[in-house]
């Protein structure tokens, strides 16, 4: 999971189709903003699904899906607000 953590930790996450993408890309170039580009609207709910899919793919490639059940991913937005994604077919 370290590559995923490194990618998103202290990063500004933006959809590549966002109308402000080019402006943030320039800010990134000018000021060194850590920018992560995704191809979806980066809500907490969508990020939870993205992380779930990432983990599932890694486990599948490692041949571990028969040994490990990935149930859900929870993203905490604040101390009291969270978004979660429960895998399909669970």
C-alpha atoms as a PDB file:
ATOM      1  CA  UNK A   1       0.000   0.000   0.000  1.00  0.00           C
ATOM      2  CA  UNK A   2       2.976   2.330   0.340  1.00  0.00           C
ATOM      3  CA  UNK A   3       2.837   3.508  -3.304  1.00  0.00           C
ATOM      4  CA  UNK A   4      -0.815   4.430  -2.842  1.00  0.00           C
ATOM      5  CA  UNK A   5      -0.117   6.217   0.440  1.00  0.00           C
ATOM      6  CA  UNK A   6       2.815   8.086  -1.111  1.00  0.00           C
ATOM      7  CA  UNK A   7       0.639   9.103  -4.056  1.00  0.00           C
ATOM      8  CA  UNK A   8      -2.190  10.601  -1.996  1.00  0.00           C
ATOM      9  CA  UNK A   9      -0.524  11.717   1.249  1.00  0.00           C
ATOM     10  CA  UNK A  10      -0.555  15.531   1.492  1.00  0.00           C
ATOM     11  CA  UNK A  11      -1.664  15.762  -2.117  1.00  0.00           C
ATOM     12  CA  UNK A  12      -4.211  17.917  -3.873  1.00  0.00           C
ATOM     13  CA  UNK A  13      -6.391  15.437  -5.763  1.00  0.00           C
ATOM     14  CA  UNK A  14      -8.101  16.679  -8.904  1.00  0.00           C
ATOM     15  CA  UNK A  15     -10.131  15.146 -11.716  1.00  0.00           C
ATOM     16  CA  UNK A  16      -8.265  15.523 -15.016  1.00  0.00           C
ATOM     17  CA  UNK A  17     -11.569  16.714 -16.518  1.00  0.00           C
ATOM     18  CA  UNK A  18     -12.052  19.464 -13.924  1.00  0.00           C
ATOM     19  CA  UNK A  19     -12.340  22.872 -15.627  1.00  0.00           C
ATOM     20  CA  UNK A  20      -9.693  24.204 -13.223  1.00  0.00           C
ATOM     21  CA  UNK A  21      -7.222  21.396 -13.918  1.00  0.00           C
ATOM     22  CA  UNK A  22      -4.903  23.495 -16.096  1.00  0.00           C
ATOM     23  CA  UNK A  23      -4.822  26.284 -13.489  1.00  0.00           C
ATOM     24  CA  UNK A  24      -3.866  23.842 -10.735  1.00  0.00           C
ATOM     25  CA  UNK A  25      -1.326  22.203 -13.023  1.00  0.00           C
ATOM     26  CA  UNK A  26       0.324  25.628 -13.458  1.00  0.00           C
ATOM     27  CA  UNK A  27       0.246  26.250  -9.696  1.00  0.00           C
ATOM     28  CA  UNK A  28       1.888  22.860  -9.275  1.00  0.00           C
ATOM     29  CA  UNK A  29       4.649  23.814 -11.707  1.00  0.00           C
ATOM     30  CA  UNK A  30       5.155  27.285 -10.218  1.00  0.00           C
ATOM     31  CA  UNK A  31       4.938  26.473  -6.513  1.00  0.00           C
ATOM     32  CA  UNK A  32       5.528  22.753  -6.135  1.00  0.00           C
ATOM     33  CA  UNK A  33       2.009  21.799  -5.088  1.00  0.00           C
ATOM     34  CA  UNK A  34       1.759  18.025  -4.799  1.00  0.00           C
ATOM     35  CA  UNK A  35      -0.896  17.278  -7.389  1.00  0.00           C
ATOM     36  CA  UNK A  36      -2.505  13.889  -7.991  1.00  0.00           C
ATOM     37  CA  UNK A  37      -4.640  13.529 -11.096  1.00  0.00           C
ATOM     38  CA  UNK A  38      -7.480  11.013 -11.275  1.00  0.00           C
ATOM     39  CA  UNK A  39     -10.146  10.288 -13.878  1.00  0.00           C
ATOM     40  CA  UNK A  40     -13.103  10.647 -11.517  1.00  0.00           C
ATOM     41  CA  UNK A  41     -14.549  13.289  -9.215  1.00  0.00           C
ATOM     42  CA  UNK A  42     -12.400  12.794  -6.082  1.00  0.00           C
ATOM     43  CA  UNK A  43     -15.089  12.666  -3.412  1.00  0.00           C
ATOM     44  CA  UNK A  44     -14.423  10.621  -0.288  1.00  0.00           C
ATOM     45  CA  UNK A  45     -16.867   8.009  -1.580  1.00  0.00           C
ATOM     46  CA  UNK A  46     -15.110   7.753  -4.942  1.00  0.00           C
ATOM     47  CA  UNK A  47     -11.692   7.598  -3.265  1.00  0.00           C
ATOM     48  CA  UNK A  48     -12.895   4.739  -1.050  1.00  0.00           C
ATOM     49  CA  UNK A  49     -13.925   2.794  -4.161  1.00  0.00           C
ATOM     50  CA  UNK A  50     -10.636   3.641  -5.894  1.00  0.00           C
ATOM     51  CA  UNK A  51      -8.646   2.342  -2.924  1.00  0.00           C
ATOM     52  CA  UNK A  52     -10.824  -0.776  -2.672  1.00  0.00           C
ATOM     53  CA  UNK A  53     -10.249  -1.522  -6.373  1.00  0.00           C
ATOM     54  CA  UNK A  54      -6.508  -0.866  -5.994  1.00  0.00           C
ATOM     55  CA  UNK A  55      -6.195  -3.281  -3.073  1.00  0.00           C
ATOM     56  CA  UNK A  56      -8.334  -5.910  -4.807  1.00  0.00           C
ATOM     57  CA  UNK A  57      -6.171  -5.709  -7.940  1.00  0.00           C
ATOM     58  CA  UNK A  58      -2.944  -6.067  -5.933  1.00  0.00           C
ATOM     59  CA  UNK A  59      -4.312  -9.066  -4.015  1.00  0.00           C
ATOM     60  CA  UNK A  60      -5.562 -10.616  -7.252  1.00  0.00           C
ATOM     61  CA  UNK A  61      -2.141 -10.245  -8.913  1.00  0.00           C
ATOM     62  CA  UNK A  62      -0.531 -11.813  -5.836  1.00  0.00           C
ATOM     63  CA  UNK A  63      -2.989 -14.733  -5.972  1.00  0.00           C
ATOM     64  CA  UNK A  64      -4.439 -13.888  -2.555  1.00  0.00           C
ATOM     65  CA  UNK A  65      -8.111 -13.268  -3.337  1.00  0.00           C
ATOM     66  CA  UNK A  66      -9.026 -16.827  -2.343  1.00  0.00           C
ATOM     67  CA  UNK A  67      -7.253 -16.356   0.994  1.00  0.00           C
ATOM     68  CA  UNK A  68      -8.225 -12.793   1.890  1.00  0.00           C
ATOM     69  CA  UNK A  69     -11.694 -11.252   1.844  1.00  0.00           C
ATOM     70  CA  UNK A  70     -11.628  -7.531   1.149  1.00  0.00           C
ATOM     71  CA  UNK A  71     -14.883  -6.311   2.623  1.00  0.00           C
ATOM     72  CA  UNK A  72     -14.809  -2.509   2.669  1.00  0.00           C
ATOM     73  CA  UNK A  73     -12.715   0.634   2.708  1.00  0.00           C
ATOM     74  CA  UNK A  74     -13.523   3.532   5.013  1.00  0.00           C
ATOM     75  CA  UNK A  75     -12.313   7.091   4.403  1.00  0.00           C
ATOM     76  CA  UNK A  76     -12.592   9.391   7.397  1.00  0.00           C
ATOM     77  CA  UNK A  77     -13.159  12.983   6.324  1.00  0.00           C
ATOM     78  CA  UNK A  78     -13.338  14.330   9.886  1.00  0.00           C
ATOM     79  CA  UNK A  79     -13.606  12.779  13.359  1.00  0.00           C
ATOM     80  CA  UNK A  80     -17.335  12.275  12.836  1.00  0.00           C
ATOM     81  CA  UNK A  81     -17.784  12.023   9.058  1.00  0.00           C
ATOM     82  CA  UNK A  82     -16.815   9.072   6.928  1.00  0.00           C
ATOM     83  CA  UNK A  83     -17.429   7.520   3.543  1.00  0.00           C
ATOM     84  CA  UNK A  84     -17.220   3.819   2.926  1.00  0.00           C
ATOM     85  CA  UNK A  85     -17.247   1.497  -0.023  1.00  0.00           C
ATOM     86  CA  UNK A  86     -18.401  -2.094   0.338  1.00  0.00           C
ATOM     87  CA  UNK A  87     -17.297  -4.357  -2.475  1.00  0.00           C
ATOM     88  CA  UNK A  88     -19.778  -5.554  -5.031  1.00  0.00           C
ATOM     89  CA  UNK A  89     -21.186  -9.023  -4.458  1.00  0.00           C
ATOM     90  CA  UNK A  90     -20.386  -8.962  -0.740  1.00  0.00           C
END
